[in-house]
C-alpha atoms as a PDB file:
ATOM      1  CA  UNK A   1      -0.103   0.088  -0.280  1.00  0.00           C
ATOM      2  CA  UNK A   2       1.317   3.282  -1.035  1.00  0.00           C
ATOM      3  CA  UNK A   3       2.247   5.309   1.811  1.00  0.00           C
ATOM      4  CA  UNK A   4      -0.483   8.168   3.150  1.00  0.00           C
ATOM      5  CA  UNK A   5      -3.315   5.978   1.659  1.00  0.00           C
ATOM      6  CA  UNK A   6      -4.465   4.018   4.665  1.00  0.00           C
ATOM      7  CA  UNK A   7      -6.495   6.964   6.059  1.00  0.00           C
ATOM      8  CA  UNK A   8      -8.563   7.502   2.665  1.00  0.00           C
ATOM      9  CA  UNK A   9      -8.942   3.798   2.172  1.00  0.00           C
ATOM     10  CA  UNK A  10     -10.778   3.706   5.793  1.00  0.00           C
ATOM     11  CA  UNK A  11     -12.676   6.981   4.851  1.00  0.00           C
ATOM     12  CA  UNK A  12     -14.379   4.974   1.964  1.00  0.00           C
ATOM     13  CA  UNK A  13     -14.861   2.054   3.439  1.00  0.00           C
ATOM     14  CA  UNK A  14     -16.604   3.659   6.539  1.00  0.00           C
ATOM     15  CA  UNK A  15     -18.442   5.895   4.213  1.00  0.00           C
ATOM     16  CA  UNK A  16     -19.335   3.236   1.818  1.00  0.00           C
ATOM     17  CA  UNK A  17     -20.577   1.111   4.703  1.00  0.00           C
ATOM     18  CA  UNK A  18     -23.132   3.579   5.627  1.00  0.00           C
ATOM     19  CA  UNK A  19     -24.469   4.412   2.645  1.00  0.00           C
ATOM     20  CA  UNK A  20     -24.516   0.529   1.474  1.00  0.00           C
ATOM     21  CA  UNK A  21     -26.856   0.456   4.657  1.00  0.00           C
ATOM     22  CA  UNK A  22     -29.457   3.025   3.472  1.00  0.00           C
ATOM     23  CA  UNK A  23     -31.703   0.774   1.409  1.00  0.00           C
ATOM     24  CA  UNK A  24     -31.532   2.042  -2.901  1.00  0.00           C
ATOM     25  CA  UNK A  25     -28.741   4.414  -2.550  1.00  0.00           C
ATOM     26  CA  UNK A  26     -25.874   2.040  -4.291  1.00  0.00           C
ATOM     27  CA  UNK A  27     -22.241   2.002  -4.902  1.00  0.00           C
ATOM     28  CA  UNK A  28     -22.317   4.696  -7.609  1.00  0.00           C
ATOM     29  CA  UNK A  29     -23.253   7.421  -4.846  1.00  0.00           C
ATOM     30  CA  UNK A  30     -21.301   5.580  -2.045  1.00  0.00           C
ATOM     31  CA  UNK A  31     -17.916   6.079  -4.770  1.00  0.00           C
ATOM     32  CA  UNK A  32     -18.865   9.787  -5.506  1.00  0.00           C
ATOM     33  CA  UNK A  33     -19.258  10.880  -1.557  1.00  0.00           C
ATOM     34  CA  UNK A  34     -16.095   9.134  -0.531  1.00  0.00           C
ATOM     35  CA  UNK A  35     -14.535  10.818  -3.250  1.00  0.00           C
ATOM     36  CA  UNK A  36     -15.640  14.305  -2.437  1.00  0.00           C
ATOM     37  CA  UNK A  37     -14.966  13.653   1.592  1.00  0.00           C
ATOM     38  CA  UNK A  38     -11.243  12.841   0.684  1.00  0.00           C
ATOM     39  CA  UNK A  39     -10.957  16.110  -1.393  1.00  0.00           C
ATOM     40  CA  UNK A  40     -11.769  18.079   1.333  1.00  0.00           C
ATOM     41  CA  UNK A  41      -9.797  16.334   3.979  1.00  0.00           C
ATOM     42  CA  UNK A  42      -6.768  15.873   1.259  1.00  0.00           C
ATOM     43  CA  UNK A  43      -3.909  18.043   1.390  1.00  0.00           C
ATOM     44  CA  UNK A  44      -3.312  17.953  -2.366  1.00  0.00           C
ATOM     45  CA  UNK A  45      -7.028  19.181  -3.605  1.00  0.00           C
ATOM     46  CA  UNK A  46      -5.462  20.737  -7.004  1.00  0.00           C
ATOM     47  CA  UNK A  47      -4.372  17.148  -8.270  1.00  0.00           C
ATOM     48  CA  UNK A  48      -7.798  15.564  -7.806  1.00  0.00           C
ATOM     49  CA  UNK A  49      -9.182  15.143 -10.772  1.00  0.00           C
ATOM     50  CA  UNK A  50      -5.936  14.396 -12.420  1.00  0.00           C
ATOM     51  CA  UNK A  51      -5.432  10.811 -10.817  1.00  0.00           C
ATOM     52  CA  UNK A  52      -4.739  11.970  -7.670  1.00  0.00           C
ATOM     53  CA  UNK A  53      -4.246   8.493  -5.724  1.00  0.00           C
ATOM     54  CA  UNK A  54      -5.752   9.552  -2.842  1.00  0.00           C
ATOM     55  CA  UNK A  55      -9.106   9.901  -4.534  1.00  0.00           C
ATOM     56  CA  UNK A  56      -9.141   6.776  -6.277  1.00  0.00           C
ATOM     57  CA  UNK A  57      -8.377   5.062  -3.228  1.00  0.00           C
ATOM     58  CA  UNK A  58     -10.848   6.464  -1.023  1.00  0.00           C
ATOM     59  CA  UNK A  59     -13.575   6.057  -4.356  1.00  0.00           C
ATOM     60  CA  UNK A  60     -12.997   2.438  -4.543  1.00  0.00           C
ATOM     61  CA  UNK A  61     -13.000   1.737  -1.216  1.00  0.00           C
ATOM     62  CA  UNK A  62     -16.446   3.457  -1.097  1.00  0.00           C
ATOM     63  CA  UNK A  63     -17.973   1.654  -4.066  1.00  0.00           C
ATOM     64  CA  UNK A  64     -16.340  -1.987  -1.829  1.00  0.00           C
ATOM     65  CA  UNK A  65     -17.351  -0.982   0.904  1.00  0.00           C
ATOM     66  CA  UNK A  66     -20.993  -0.492  -0.366  1.00  0.00           C
ATOM     67  CA  UNK A  67     -21.684  -4.152  -0.753  1.00  0.00           C
ATOM     68  CA  UNK A  68     -21.011  -5.573   2.902  1.00  0.00           C
ATOM     69  CA  UNK A  69     -23.377  -2.511   3.602  1.00  0.00           C
ATOM     70  CA  UNK A  70     -26.162  -3.410   1.338  1.00  0.00           C
ATOM     71  CA  UNK A  71     -26.556  -6.639   3.179  1.00  0.00           C
ATOM     72  CA  UNK A  72     -27.814  -5.327   6.813  1.00  0.00           C
ATOM     73  CA  UNK A  73     -31.082  -3.985   5.518  1.00  0.00           C
ATOM     74  CA  UNK A  74     -31.210  -7.101   2.913  1.00  0.00           C
ATOM     75  CA  UNK A  75     -30.858  -9.627   5.154  1.00  0.00           C
ATOM     76  CA  UNK A  76     -32.653  -8.045   8.538  1.00  0.00           C
ATOM     77  CA  UNK A  77     -35.514  -6.056   6.804  1.00  0.00           C
ATOM     78  CA  UNK A  78     -35.734  -7.659   3.520  1.00  0.00           C
ATOM     79  CA  UNK A  79     -35.316  -4.460   1.713  1.00  0.00           C
ATOM     80  CA  UNK A  80     -32.085  -4.502  -0.776  1.00  0.00           C
ATOM     81  CA  UNK A  81     -29.677  -1.564  -0.963  1.00  0.00           C
ATOM     82  CA  UNK A  82     -28.370  -1.946  -4.313  1.00  0.00           C
ATOM     83  CA  UNK A  83     -29.329  -4.701  -7.100  1.00  0.00           C
ATOM     84  CA  UNK A  84     -26.496  -7.135  -6.060  1.00  0.00           C
ATOM     85  CA  UNK A  85     -28.399  -7.089  -2.967  1.00  0.00           C
ATOM     86  CA  UNK A  86     -31.795  -7.742  -4.418  1.00  0.00           C
ATOM     87  CA  UNK A  87     -30.466 -10.555  -6.581  1.00  0.00           C
ATOM     88  CA  UNK A  88     -29.357 -12.500  -3.220  1.00  0.00           C
ATOM     89  CA  UNK A  89     -33.014 -11.396  -1.708  1.00  0.00           C
ATOM     90  CA  UNK A  90     -34.313 -13.157  -4.505  1.00  0.00           C
ATOM     91  CA  UNK A  91     -31.636 -16.483  -4.311  1.00  0.00           C
ATOM     92  CA  UNK A  92     -32.783 -16.327  -0.724  1.00  0.00           C
ATOM     93  CA  UNK A  93     -36.640 -16.122  -0.833  1.00  0.00           C
ATOM     94  CA  UNK A  94     -36.322 -18.971  -3.626  1.00  0.00           C
ATOM     95  CA  UNK A  95     -35.041 -21.448  -1.083  1.00  0.00           C
ATOM     96  CA  UNK A  96     -37.365 -20.255   1.489  1.00  0.00           C
ATOM     97  CA  UNK A  97     -35.239 -17.971   3.766  1.00  0.00           C
ATOM     98  CA  UNK A  98     -36.934 -15.137   4.696  1.00  0.00           C
ATOM     99  CA  UNK A  99     -35.498 -12.147   5.534  1.00  0.00           C
ATOM    100  CA  UNK A 100     -36.106 -11.443   9.745  1.00  0.00           C
ATOM    101  CA  UNK A 101     -35.093 -12.830  12.751  1.00  0.00           C
ATOM    102  CA  UNK A 102     -35.314 -16.130  12.149  1.00  0.00           C
ATOM    103  CA  UNK A 103     -32.837 -16.119   9.136  1.00  0.00           C
ATOM    104  CA  UNK A 104     -30.456 -15.498  11.891  1.00  0.00           C
ATOM    105  CA  UNK A 105     -32.014 -18.077  14.229  1.00  0.00           C
ATOM    106  CA  UNK A 106     -33.976 -20.591  12.886  1.00  0.00           C
ATOM    107  CA  UNK A 107     -31.583 -20.676   9.876  1.00  0.00           C
ATOM    108  CA  UNK A 108     -28.207 -19.589  11.454  1.00  0.00           C
ATOM    109  CA  UNK A 109     -26.288 -22.133   9.871  1.00  0.00           C
ATOM    110  CA  UNK A 110     -27.113 -21.002   6.708  1.00  0.00           C
ATOM    111  CA  UNK A 111     -26.949 -17.579   7.161  1.00  0.00           C
ATOM    112  CA  UNK A 112     -23.624 -17.147   9.345  1.00  0.00           C
ATOM    113  CA  UNK A 113     -22.182 -19.529   6.879  1.00  0.00           C
ATOM    114  CA  UNK A 114     -22.786 -17.101   3.942  1.00  0.00           C
ATOM    115  CA  UNK A 115     -21.592 -14.164   6.395  1.00  0.00           C
ATOM    116  CA  UNK A 116     -18.222 -16.238   6.823  1.00  0.00           C
ATOM    117  CA  UNK A 117     -17.991 -17.014   2.997  1.00  0.00           C
ATOM    118  CA  UNK A 118     -17.756 -13.489   2.728  1.00  0.00           C
ATOM    119  CA  UNK A 119     -14.867 -12.759   4.500  1.00  0.00           C
ATOM    120  CA  UNK A 120     -13.156 -15.473   3.101  1.00  0.00           C
ATOM    121  CA  UNK A 121     -13.982 -14.097  -0.895  1.00  0.00           C
ATOM    122  CA  UNK A 122     -12.664 -10.565   0.600  1.00  0.00           C
ATOM    123  CA  UNK A 123      -9.390 -12.059   1.590  1.00  0.00           C
ATOM    124  CA  UNK A 124      -9.608 -14.128  -1.400  1.00  0.00           C
ATOM    125  CA  UNK A 125      -9.782 -10.785  -3.419  1.00  0.00           C
ATOM    126  CA  UNK A 126      -7.582  -8.899  -1.466  1.00  0.00           C
ATOM    127  CA  UNK A 127      -4.634 -11.835  -2.478  1.00  0.00           C
ATOM    128  CA  UNK A 128      -5.572 -11.150  -6.118  1.00  0.00           C
ATOM    129  CA  UNK A 129      -5.257  -7.484  -6.140  1.00  0.00           C
ATOM    130  CA  UNK A 130      -2.252  -7.448  -4.425  1.00  0.00           C
ATOM    131  CA  UNK A 131      -0.654  -9.966  -6.707  1.00  0.00           C
ATOM    132  CA  UNK A 132      -1.980  -8.402 -10.402  1.00  0.00           C
ATOM    133  CA  UNK A 133      -2.074  -5.036  -9.053  1.00  0.00           C
ATOM    134  CA  UNK A 134       1.033  -4.037 -11.061  1.00  0.00           C
ATOM    135  CA  UNK A 135      -0.356  -5.850 -14.199  1.00  0.00           C
ATOM    136  CA  UNK A 136      -3.542  -3.917 -13.816  1.00  0.00           C
ATOM    137  CA  UNK A 137      -1.237  -0.755 -13.292  1.00  0.00           C
ATOM    138  CA  UNK A 138      -0.067  -0.851 -16.848  1.00  0.00           C
ATOM    139  CA  UNK A 139      -3.496   0.046 -18.487  1.00  0.00           C
ATOM    140  CA  UNK A 140      -2.864   3.538 -16.977  1.00  0.00           C
ATOM    141  CA  UNK A 141       0.467   3.313 -19.494  1.00  0.00           C
ATOM    142  CA  UNK A 142      -2.003   3.729 -22.346  1.00  0.00           C
ATOM    143  CA  UNK A 143      -2.288   7.080 -24.371  1.00  0.00           C
ATOM    144  CA  UNK A 144      -4.484   9.039 -23.591  1.00  0.00           C
ATOM    145  CA  UNK A 145      -5.348  10.139 -27.290  1.00  0.00           C
ATOM    146  CA  UNK A 146      -6.470   5.870 -27.426  1.00  0.00           C
ATOM    147  CA  UNK A 147      -8.332   6.075 -24.332  1.00  0.00           C
ATOM    148  CA  UNK A 148     -10.840   9.409 -24.882  1.00  0.00           C
ATOM    149  CA  UNK A 149     -11.950   8.340 -28.247  1.00  0.00           C
ATOM    150  CA  UNK A 150     -12.639   4.341 -26.968  1.00  0.00           C
ATOM    151  CA  UNK A 151     -14.576   6.612 -23.861  1.00  0.00           C
ATOM    152  CA  UNK A 152     -16.736   8.214 -25.783  1.00  0.00           C
ATOM    153  CA  UNK A 153     -17.524   5.557 -28.226  1.00  0.00           C
ATOM    154  CA  UNK A 154     -18.697   3.589 -25.406  1.00  0.00           C
ATOM    155  CA  UNK A 155     -20.817   6.129 -24.176  1.00  0.00           C
ATOM    156  CA  UNK A 156     -22.938   7.362 -27.770  1.00  0.00           C
ATOM    157  CA  UNK A 157     -23.222   3.164 -27.540  1.00  0.00           C
ATOM    158  CA  UNK A 158     -24.402   3.328 -24.247  1.00  0.00           C
ATOM    159  CA  UNK A 159     -26.610   6.238 -25.042  1.00  0.00           C
ATOM    160  CA  UNK A 160     -28.093   4.874 -27.794  1.00  0.00           C
ATOM    161  CA  UNK A 161     -28.484   1.320 -26.303  1.00  0.00           C
ATOM    162  CA  UNK A 162     -31.101   2.506 -23.787  1.00  0.00           C
ATOM    163  CA  UNK A 163     -33.985   3.299 -26.239  1.00  0.00           C
ATOM    164  CA  UNK A 164     -32.816   2.808 -29.769  1.00  0.00           C
ATOM    165  CA  UNK A 165     -32.469   6.540 -30.156  1.00  0.00           C
ATOM    166  CA  UNK A 166     -30.292   9.045 -32.085  1.00  0.00           C
ATOM    167  CA  UNK A 167     -31.977  11.746 -30.198  1.00  0.00           C
ATOM    168  CA  UNK A 168     -30.686  10.406 -26.885  1.00  0.00           C
ATOM    169  CA  UNK A 169     -26.604  10.321 -28.263  1.00  0.00           C
ATOM    170  CA  UNK A 170     -27.380  14.138 -29.574  1.00  0.00           C
ATOM    171  CA  UNK A 171     -28.267  14.731 -25.813  1.00  0.00           C
ATOM    172  CA  UNK A 172     -25.323  13.046 -24.477  1.00  0.00           C
ATOM    173  CA  UNK A 173     -23.141  14.846 -26.860  1.00  0.00           C
ATOM    174  CA  UNK A 174     -24.685  18.104 -25.610  1.00  0.00           C
ATOM    175  CA  UNK A 175     -24.357  17.187 -22.012  1.00  0.00           C
ATOM    176  CA  UNK A 176     -20.756  16.713 -22.777  1.00  0.00           C
ATOM    177  CA  UNK A 177     -20.137  20.048 -24.015  1.00  0.00           C
ATOM    178  CA  UNK A 178     -22.059  21.083 -21.245  1.00  0.00           C
ATOM    179  CA  UNK A 179     -19.886  19.607 -18.585  1.00  0.00           C
ATOM    180  CA  UNK A 180     -16.890  20.761 -20.475  1.00  0.00           C
ATOM    181  CA  UNK A 181     -17.875  24.485 -20.197  1.00  0.00           C
ATOM    182  CA  UNK A 182     -18.996  24.153 -16.256  1.00  0.00           C
ATOM    183  CA  UNK A 183     -15.222  22.782 -15.693  1.00  0.00           C
ATOM    184  CA  UNK A 184     -13.654  25.767 -17.235  1.00  0.00           C
ATOM    185  CA  UNK A 185     -15.642  27.914 -15.169  1.00  0.00           C
ATOM    186  CA  UNK A 186     -15.071  26.116 -12.044  1.00  0.00           C
ATOM    187  CA  UNK A 187     -17.331  24.047 -11.287  1.00  0.00           C
ATOM    188  CA  UNK A 188     -17.523  20.930  -9.715  1.00  0.00           C
ATOM    189  CA  UNK A 189     -18.717  17.560 -11.662  1.00  0.00           C
ATOM    190  CA  UNK A 190     -18.761  15.289  -9.357  1.00  0.00           C
ATOM    191  CA  UNK A 191     -21.160  17.277  -6.766  1.00  0.00           C
ATOM    192  CA  UNK A 192     -23.403  18.009 -10.354  1.00  0.00           C
ATOM    193  CA  UNK A 193     -23.407  14.254 -11.393  1.00  0.00           C
ATOM    194  CA  UNK A 194     -23.941  13.364  -7.376  1.00  0.00           C
ATOM    195  CA  UNK A 195     -26.921  15.743  -6.996  1.00  0.00           C
ATOM    196  CA  UNK A 196     -28.940  14.237 -10.609  1.00  0.00           C
ATOM    197  CA  UNK A 197     -27.891  11.010  -8.746  1.00  0.00           C
ATOM    198  CA  UNK A 198     -29.775  11.847  -5.761  1.00  0.00           C
ATOM    199  CA  UNK A 199     -31.929  14.004  -6.856  1.00  0.00           C
ATOM    200  CA  UNK A 200     -35.285  11.804  -8.334  1.00  0.00           C
ATOM    201  CA  UNK A 201     -34.249   9.271  -4.799  1.00  0.00           C
ATOM    202  CA  UNK A 202     -34.984  12.497  -2.722  1.00  0.00           C
ATOM    203  CA  UNK A 203     -37.440  13.834  -4.363  1.00  0.00           C
ATOM    204  CA  UNK A 204     -39.882  10.267  -4.292  1.00  0.00           C
ATOM    205  CA  UNK A 205     -38.483  10.141  -0.536  1.00  0.00           C
ATOM    206  CA  UNK A 206     -39.764  13.665   0.241  1.00  0.00           C
ATOM    207  CA  UNK A 207     -43.403  12.796  -1.556  1.00  0.00           C
ATOM    208  CA  UNK A 208     -43.548   9.657   0.362  1.00  0.00           C
ATOM    209  CA  UNK A 209     -42.705  11.284   3.464  1.00  0.00           C
ATOM    210  CA  UNK A 210     -45.778  13.984   3.167  1.00  0.00           C
ATOM    211  CA  UNK A 211     -47.766  11.339   2.297  1.00  0.00           C
ATOM    212  CA  UNK A 212     -46.992   9.306   5.730  1.00  0.00           C
ATOM    213  CA  UNK A 213     -47.504  12.600   6.835  1.00  0.00           C
ATOM    214  CA  UNK A 214     -50.371  13.848   5.799  1.00  0.00           C
ATOM    215  CA  UNK A 215     -49.335  17.178   4.479  1.00  0.00           C
ATOM    216  CA  UNK A 216     -47.351  17.884   7.446  1.00  0.00           C
ATOM    217  CA  UNK A 217     -43.685  19.064   7.200  1.00  0.00           C
ATOM    218  CA  UNK A 218     -43.211  17.757  10.918  1.00  0.00           C
ATOM    219  CA  UNK A 219     -43.038  14.101   9.636  1.00  0.00           C
ATOM    220  CA  UNK A 220     -39.315  14.946   9.030  1.00  0.00           C
ATOM    221  CA  UNK A 221     -38.229  16.782  12.404  1.00  0.00           C
ATOM    222  CA  UNK A 222     -40.224  15.279  15.126  1.00  0.00           C
ATOM    223  CA  UNK A 223     -38.688  11.754  15.539  1.00  0.00           C
ATOM    224  CA  UNK A 224     -35.845  10.373  16.678  1.00  0.00           C
ATOM    225  CA  UNK A 225     -34.091   8.769  13.466  1.00  0.00           C
ATOM    226  CA  UNK A 226     -34.699  12.158  11.872  1.00  0.00           C
ATOM    227  CA  UNK A 227     -33.288  14.262  14.484  1.00  0.00           C
ATOM    228  CA  UNK A 228     -30.369  12.051  14.162  1.00  0.00           C
ATOM    229  CA  UNK A 229     -30.069  12.267  10.686  1.00  0.00           C
ATOM    230  CA  UNK A 230     -30.464  16.313  10.646  1.00  0.00           C
ATOM    231  CA  UNK A 231     -27.554  16.280  13.051  1.00  0.00           C
ATOM    232  CA  UNK A 232     -25.071  14.595  11.051  1.00  0.00           C
ATOM    233  CA  UNK A 233     -26.705  16.610   7.784  1.00  0.00           C
ATOM    234  CA  UNK A 234     -25.553  19.751  10.190  1.00  0.00           C
ATOM    235  CA  UNK A 235     -22.054  18.288  11.443  1.00  0.00           C
ATOM    236  CA  UNK A 236     -21.196  17.485   7.829  1.00  0.00           C
ATOM    237  CA  UNK A 237     -21.568  21.427   6.836  1.00  0.00           C
ATOM    238  CA  UNK A 238     -19.420  22.264   9.365  1.00  0.00           C
ATOM    239  CA  UNK A 239     -16.039  21.298   7.311  1.00  0.00           C
ATOM    240  CA  UNK A 240     -17.380  22.975   4.081  1.00  0.00           C
ATOM    241  CA  UNK A 241     -17.909  26.174   6.047  1.00  0.00           C
ATOM    242  CA  UNK A 242     -14.506  26.494   8.016  1.00  0.00           C
ATOM    243  CA  UNK A 243     -12.888  26.081   4.416  1.00  0.00           C
ATOM    244  CA  UNK A 244     -15.090  28.744   2.901  1.00  0.00           C
ATOM    245  CA  UNK A 245     -13.949  30.971   5.917  1.00  0.00           C
ATOM    246  CA  UNK A 246     -10.954  30.457   5.712  1.00  0.00           C
ATOM    247  CA  UNK A 247     -10.537  30.687   2.069  1.00  0.00           C
ATOM    248  CA  UNK A 248     -12.332  34.055   1.602  1.00  0.00           C
ATOM    249  CA  UNK A 249     -12.214  35.601   4.565  1.00  0.00           C
ATOM    250  CA  UNK A 250      -9.155  35.110   6.128  1.00  0.00           C
ATOM    251  CA  UNK A 251      -7.064  38.123   7.399  1.00  0.00           C
ATOM    252  CA  UNK A 252      -4.603  39.384   3.665  1.00  0.00           C
ATOM    253  CA  UNK A 253      -1.848  39.739   6.092  1.00  0.00           C
ATOM    254  CA  UNK A 254      -2.493  35.510   7.136  1.00  0.00           C
END
């Protein structure tokens, strides 16, 4: 492990596990959040977006940590945290294993054996990763003028494959140009993409909350879990505010 990456790997793993516990979030959100938090705590922020290993370590750790965290709501509540957990839930139901307390008591032998197998799988993947890492790293030696056309081609193919419409490809190209202009203007594309992913999820959850609360906004504040989440949100806002103060309100003589 390169020196100094242990903190970012631990940070990404913790964030990924917490995001995985939240149903419906997924590894993509965990990776983006881990990347943004790592950028806030890094001393080399200017290198983010240019191959900084700190951002890569945090994003990949968050992506991997989300898988284990998604098993918590899947095995206890029957609510899959992502598509992988949904497939696992389907396999459990086919064999008559209903998520809940009985899964850890009546069927404890199968459940704990499954959990143990995940620990063993992670150890095996660690060995494979350490052994093949030098070979995988050679991908980064591919000239960028070969990679960019390939990435653009597959992006266009992915956009066309959804509905088989060329209009979707034109929309993709338009947003690519728009994103380039935003990057030139100093906007954070990571935060923008994260907002696009979380936006529909937040809107759906907000509507469901209002339905449960019969149109009252107090449903988002009156219960203990809601208050805890608000406290966490406020704590997460403290570092950006402090950083804003340091960058823009610092005395000129400092």
